[in-house]
Amino acid sequence: MPLQKDYETPSTGALASYHVVQQVSLDYVSTLTGVTVASYLSKEAKDAGRFPMYAQQIQIAGLPEAGADAREFAEAQLVAAIPADATAQTANRYAFSGAQVVE
């Protein structure tokens, strides 16, 4: 499911508000989930076939449970609140914290 949150794209400073998980990869050795997120101006722009304004790779510590949907796991992790003891593992890890999962 897409994510809804105003996000200032680093490349232009323009606001994108509709974000789609395009790809999820699982690294079983390092226990990391890699997520590619494409950011669009709006749902309407995405539905009209526009290109994303920005795309980025986000690394999430951990893997989905066996049999769980990797995309749903990634989306849930992306919108999770920033933990109090968070360190700057990667600059964009919590870029979508607090986003709303939408249809």
N, C-alpha and C. Protein backbone atom coordinates (compact mmCIF):
# COMPACT_ATOMS: atom_id res chain seq x y z
N MET A 1 0.84 -1.17 0.00
CA MET A 1 0.00 0.00 0.00
C MET A 1 0.89 1.25 0.00
N PRO A 2 0.49 2.26 -0.69
CA PRO A 2 1.28 3.51 -0.72
C PRO A 2 1.30 4.21 0.64
N LEU A 3 2.24 5.12 0.77
CA LEU A 3 2.40 5.91 1.98
C LEU A 3 2.08 7.37 1.67
N GLN A 4 1.42 8.04 2.60
CA GLN A 4 1.06 9.45 2.44
C GLN A 4 1.80 10.26 3.50
N LYS A 5 2.64 11.17 3.04
CA LYS A 5 3.36 12.07 3.95
C LYS A 5 4.05 13.13 3.10
N ASP A 6 4.02 14.37 3.55
CA ASP A 6 4.79 15.40 2.85
C ASP A 6 6.27 15.15 3.12
N TYR A 7 7.03 15.06 2.04
CA TYR A 7 8.45 14.75 2.13
C TYR A 7 9.19 15.68 1.18
N GLU A 8 10.15 16.42 1.69
CA GLU A 8 10.94 17.31 0.85
C GLU A 8 12.02 16.49 0.15
N THR A 9 11.94 16.41 -1.16
CA THR A 9 12.90 15.61 -1.91
C THR A 9 14.27 16.28 -1.89
N PRO A 10 15.31 15.52 -1.54
CA PRO A 10 16.65 16.11 -1.43
C PRO A 10 17.19 16.70 -2.73
N SER A 11 16.82 16.13 -3.86
CA SER A 11 17.40 16.59 -5.13
C SER A 11 16.90 17.96 -5.57
N THR A 12 15.63 18.28 -5.26
CA THR A 12 15.06 19.56 -5.72
C THR A 12 14.47 20.42 -4.61
N GLY A 13 14.17 19.82 -3.48
CA GLY A 13 13.50 20.55 -2.41
C GLY A 13 12.00 20.59 -2.59
N ALA A 14 11.49 20.01 -3.66
CA ALA A 14 10.04 19.99 -3.90
C ALA A 14 9.37 18.97 -2.98
N LEU A 15 8.12 19.23 -2.64
CA LEU A 15 7.38 18.32 -1.77
C LEU A 15 6.72 17.20 -2.57
N ALA A 16 6.96 15.99 -2.14
CA ALA A 16 6.27 14.82 -2.68
C ALA A 16 5.40 14.31 -1.55
N SER A 17 4.19 13.87 -1.86
CA SER A 17 3.30 13.44 -0.79
C SER A 17 2.82 12.00 -0.92
N TYR A 18 3.17 11.32 -2.00
CA TYR A 18 2.67 9.97 -2.27
C TYR A 18 3.86 9.07 -2.59
N HIS A 19 4.03 8.02 -1.81
CA HIS A 19 5.24 7.21 -1.89
C HIS A 19 4.88 5.74 -2.06
N VAL A 20 5.59 5.07 -2.96
CA VAL A 20 5.27 3.69 -3.30
C VAL A 20 6.52 2.82 -3.14
N VAL A 21 6.36 1.71 -2.41
CA VAL A 21 7.44 0.73 -2.32
C VAL A 21 7.50 0.00 -3.66
N GLN A 22 8.61 0.16 -4.36
CA GLN A 22 8.76 -0.46 -5.68
C GLN A 22 9.47 -1.80 -5.62
N GLN A 23 10.36 -1.94 -4.66
CA GLN A 23 11.16 -3.15 -4.61
C GLN A 23 11.56 -3.44 -3.16
N VAL A 24 11.58 -4.72 -2.81
CA VAL A 24 12.05 -5.16 -1.50
C VAL A 24 13.05 -6.29 -1.72
N SER A 25 14.19 -6.19 -1.06
CA SER A 25 15.18 -7.27 -1.14
C SER A 25 15.54 -7.69 0.27
N LEU A 26 15.79 -8.98 0.43
CA LEU A 26 16.08 -9.54 1.74
C LEU A 26 17.51 -10.08 1.76
N ASP A 27 18.29 -9.62 2.70
CA ASP A 27 19.66 -10.09 2.88
C ASP A 27 19.67 -10.97 4.12
N TYR A 28 19.66 -12.28 3.90
CA TYR A 28 19.56 -13.22 5.01
C TYR A 28 20.86 -13.32 5.82
N VAL A 29 21.99 -13.02 5.22
CA VAL A 29 23.26 -13.08 5.94
C VAL A 29 23.38 -11.89 6.89
N SER A 30 23.08 -10.69 6.39
CA SER A 30 23.20 -9.48 7.21
C SER A 30 21.93 -9.15 7.97
N THR A 31 20.87 -9.91 7.76
CA THR A 31 19.53 -9.68 8.33
C THR A 31 19.07 -8.23 8.12
N LEU A 32 19.11 -7.82 6.86
CA LEU A 32 18.66 -6.49 6.46
C LEU A 32 17.60 -6.62 5.38
N THR A 33 16.67 -5.69 5.39
CA THR A 33 15.67 -5.57 4.34
C THR A 33 15.96 -4.29 3.59
N GLY A 34 16.16 -4.39 2.28
CA GLY A 34 16.39 -3.22 1.44
C GLY A 34 15.09 -2.84 0.74
N VAL A 35 14.75 -1.57 0.78
CA VAL A 35 13.49 -1.10 0.21
C VAL A 35 13.76 0.06 -0.74
N THR A 36 13.23 -0.03 -1.95
CA THR A 36 13.29 1.09 -2.89
C THR A 36 11.95 1.78 -2.86
N VAL A 37 11.96 3.07 -2.54
CA VAL A 37 10.74 3.87 -2.43
C VAL A 37 10.77 4.96 -3.51
N ALA A 38 9.69 5.03 -4.29
CA ALA A 38 9.52 6.08 -5.30
C ALA A 38 8.54 7.11 -4.75
N SER A 39 8.89 8.39 -4.86
CA SER A 39 8.06 9.47 -4.33
C SER A 39 7.46 10.29 -5.47
N TYR A 40 6.17 10.51 -5.38
CA TYR A 40 5.41 11.24 -6.40
C TYR A 40 4.81 12.50 -5.79
N LEU A 41 4.52 13.45 -6.64
CA LEU A 41 3.86 14.67 -6.20
C LEU A 41 2.56 14.34 -5.47
N SER A 42 1.77 13.44 -6.04
CA SER A 42 0.47 13.09 -5.47
C SER A 42 0.02 11.74 -6.04
N LYS A 43 -1.06 11.22 -5.49
CA LYS A 43 -1.66 9.99 -6.01
C LYS A 43 -2.11 10.20 -7.46
N GLU A 44 -2.66 11.36 -7.72
CA GLU A 44 -3.13 11.68 -9.07
C GLU A 44 -1.98 11.66 -10.09
N ALA A 45 -0.83 12.16 -9.68
CA ALA A 45 0.34 12.15 -10.56
C ALA A 45 0.77 10.71 -10.84
N LYS A 46 0.80 9.87 -9.82
CA LYS A 46 1.16 8.46 -10.00
C LYS A 46 0.15 7.77 -10.91
N ASP A 47 -1.14 7.99 -10.63
CA ASP A 47 -2.20 7.36 -11.43
C ASP A 47 -2.18 7.82 -12.88
N ALA A 48 -1.69 9.03 -13.12
CA ALA A 48 -1.60 9.57 -14.48
C ALA A 48 -0.37 9.06 -15.23
N GLY A 49 0.45 8.24 -14.56
CA GLY A 49 1.61 7.67 -15.22
C GLY A 49 2.84 8.56 -15.18
N ARG A 50 2.84 9.57 -14.34
CA ARG A 50 4.01 10.45 -14.22
C ARG A 50 5.18 9.70 -13.61
N PHE A 51 6.37 10.17 -13.89
CA PHE A 51 7.56 9.60 -13.30
C PHE A 51 7.66 10.05 -11.85
N PRO A 52 8.33 9.25 -11.01
CA PRO A 52 8.55 9.70 -9.63
C PRO A 52 9.45 10.93 -9.60
N MET A 53 9.23 11.76 -8.59
CA MET A 53 10.07 12.93 -8.39
C MET A 53 11.42 12.53 -7.80
N TYR A 54 11.41 11.42 -7.07
CA TYR A 54 12.61 10.99 -6.37
C TYR A 54 12.46 9.51 -6.05
N ALA A 55 13.55 8.80 -6.04
CA ALA A 55 13.56 7.39 -5.62
C ALA A 55 14.78 7.18 -4.73
N GLN A 56 14.60 6.37 -3.71
CA GLN A 56 15.70 6.13 -2.78
C GLN A 56 15.67 4.70 -2.24
N GLN A 57 16.83 4.25 -1.82
CA GLN A 57 17.00 2.94 -1.22
C GLN A 57 17.11 3.14 0.29
N ILE A 58 16.31 2.38 1.05
CA ILE A 58 16.33 2.48 2.51
C ILE A 58 16.63 1.10 3.07
N GLN A 59 17.58 1.03 3.99
CA GLN A 59 17.93 -0.22 4.65
C GLN A 59 17.23 -0.31 6.00
N ILE A 60 16.57 -1.43 6.25
CA ILE A 60 15.86 -1.67 7.50
C ILE A 60 16.52 -2.86 8.19
N ALA A 61 16.85 -2.70 9.46
CA ALA A 61 17.42 -3.81 10.22
C ALA A 61 16.31 -4.84 10.47
N GLY A 62 16.61 -6.08 10.19
CA GLY A 62 15.66 -7.15 10.43
C GLY A 62 15.02 -7.67 9.15
N LEU A 63 14.35 -8.79 9.30
CA LEU A 63 13.68 -9.46 8.19
C LEU A 63 12.24 -9.77 8.58
N PRO A 64 11.36 -9.91 7.59
CA PRO A 64 9.99 -10.33 7.91
C PRO A 64 9.98 -11.76 8.44
N GLU A 65 8.97 -12.08 9.22
CA GLU A 65 8.80 -13.45 9.71
C GLU A 65 8.61 -14.37 8.51
N ALA A 66 8.96 -15.64 8.68
CA ALA A 66 8.78 -16.63 7.62
C ALA A 66 7.31 -16.65 7.21
N GLY A 67 7.06 -16.57 5.92
CA GLY A 67 5.71 -16.61 5.38
C GLY A 67 5.01 -15.26 5.34
N ALA A 68 5.59 -14.24 5.95
CA ALA A 68 4.99 -12.90 5.94
C ALA A 68 5.28 -12.21 4.61
N ASP A 69 4.42 -11.29 4.23
CA ASP A 69 4.60 -10.52 3.00
C ASP A 69 5.72 -9.48 3.22
N ALA A 70 6.76 -9.55 2.42
CA ALA A 70 7.92 -8.67 2.57
C ALA A 70 7.55 -7.20 2.36
N ARG A 71 6.68 -6.93 1.42
CA ARG A 71 6.28 -5.55 1.15
C ARG A 71 5.49 -4.97 2.33
N GLU A 72 4.58 -5.74 2.89
CA GLU A 72 3.81 -5.27 4.06
C GLU A 72 4.74 -5.04 5.25
N PHE A 73 5.71 -5.93 5.43
CA PHE A 73 6.69 -5.76 6.49
C PHE A 73 7.45 -4.44 6.30
N ALA A 74 7.92 -4.21 5.07
CA ALA A 74 8.69 -3.00 4.77
C ALA A 74 7.87 -1.74 5.02
N GLU A 75 6.63 -1.73 4.55
CA GLU A 75 5.77 -0.55 4.75
C GLU A 75 5.53 -0.28 6.23
N ALA A 76 5.28 -1.34 7.01
CA ALA A 76 5.07 -1.16 8.44
C ALA A 76 6.31 -0.61 9.13
N GLN A 77 7.47 -1.08 8.71
CA GLN A 77 8.72 -0.58 9.28
C GLN A 77 9.00 0.86 8.88
N LEU A 78 8.68 1.22 7.64
CA LEU A 78 8.93 2.58 7.16
C LEU A 78 8.11 3.62 7.93
N VAL A 79 6.89 3.31 8.29
CA VAL A 79 6.02 4.29 8.97
C VAL A 79 6.17 4.27 10.49
N ALA A 80 6.92 3.32 11.02
CA ALA A 80 7.09 3.19 12.47
C ALA A 80 7.72 4.44 13.05
N ALA A 81 7.38 4.71 14.30
CA ALA A 81 7.94 5.87 15.01
C ALA A 81 9.45 5.70 15.19
N ILE A 82 10.14 6.80 15.24
CA ILE A 82 11.58 6.79 15.47
C ILE A 82 11.82 6.39 16.93
N PRO A 83 12.57 5.32 17.17
CA PRO A 83 12.82 4.92 18.55
C PRO A 83 13.72 5.94 19.26
N ALA A 84 13.55 6.03 20.56
CA ALA A 84 14.33 6.99 21.34
C ALA A 84 15.83 6.73 21.25
N ASP A 85 16.20 5.47 21.09
CA ASP A 85 17.62 5.13 21.04
C ASP A 85 18.14 4.97 19.61
N ALA A 86 17.44 5.57 18.65
CA ALA A 86 17.84 5.44 17.24
C ALA A 86 19.19 6.11 17.00
N THR A 87 19.98 5.45 16.19
CA THR A 87 21.24 6.03 15.76
C THR A 87 21.13 6.30 14.27
N ALA A 88 22.00 7.09 13.76
CA ALA A 88 21.97 7.45 12.33
C ALA A 88 22.63 6.35 11.51
N GLN A 89 21.97 5.18 11.42
CA GLN A 89 22.51 4.08 10.63
C GLN A 89 22.64 4.51 9.18
N THR A 90 21.55 5.01 8.64
CA THR A 90 21.55 5.63 7.31
C THR A 90 20.71 6.89 7.44
N ALA A 91 21.06 7.89 6.71
CA ALA A 91 20.41 9.19 6.84
C ALA A 91 18.91 9.15 6.58
N ASN A 92 18.47 8.27 5.69
CA ASN A 92 17.06 8.27 5.30
C ASN A 92 16.22 7.19 5.97
N ARG A 93 16.75 6.45 6.93
CA ARG A 93 16.04 5.31 7.50
C ARG A 93 14.65 5.69 8.01
N TYR A 94 14.50 6.83 8.64
CA TYR A 94 13.21 7.23 9.21
C TYR A 94 12.54 8.35 8.42
N ALA A 95 12.84 8.46 7.14
CA ALA A 95 12.27 9.51 6.30
C ALA A 95 10.74 9.46 6.26
N PHE A 96 10.16 8.26 6.38
CA PHE A 96 8.70 8.12 6.28
C PHE A 96 8.05 7.77 7.60
N SER A 97 8.78 7.96 8.68
CA SER A 97 8.22 7.73 10.01
C SER A 97 6.99 8.62 10.20
N GLY A 98 5.92 8.04 10.68
CA GLY A 98 4.69 8.79 10.89
C GLY A 98 3.80 8.92 9.67
N ALA A 99 4.22 8.37 8.54
CA ALA A 99 3.40 8.41 7.32
C ALA A 99 2.16 7.55 7.53
N GLN A 100 1.15 7.83 6.75
CA GLN A 100 -0.09 7.07 6.78
C GLN A 100 -0.09 6.08 5.62
N VAL A 101 -0.44 4.83 5.89
CA VAL A 101 -0.58 3.84 4.82
C VAL A 101 -1.95 4.05 4.20
N VAL A 102 -1.99 4.25 2.88
CA VAL A 102 -3.25 4.55 2.18
C VAL A 102 -3.46 3.57 1.03
N GLU A 103 -4.62 3.63 0.42
CA GLU A 103 -4.91 2.78 -0.75
C GLU A 103 -4.72 3.57 -2.03
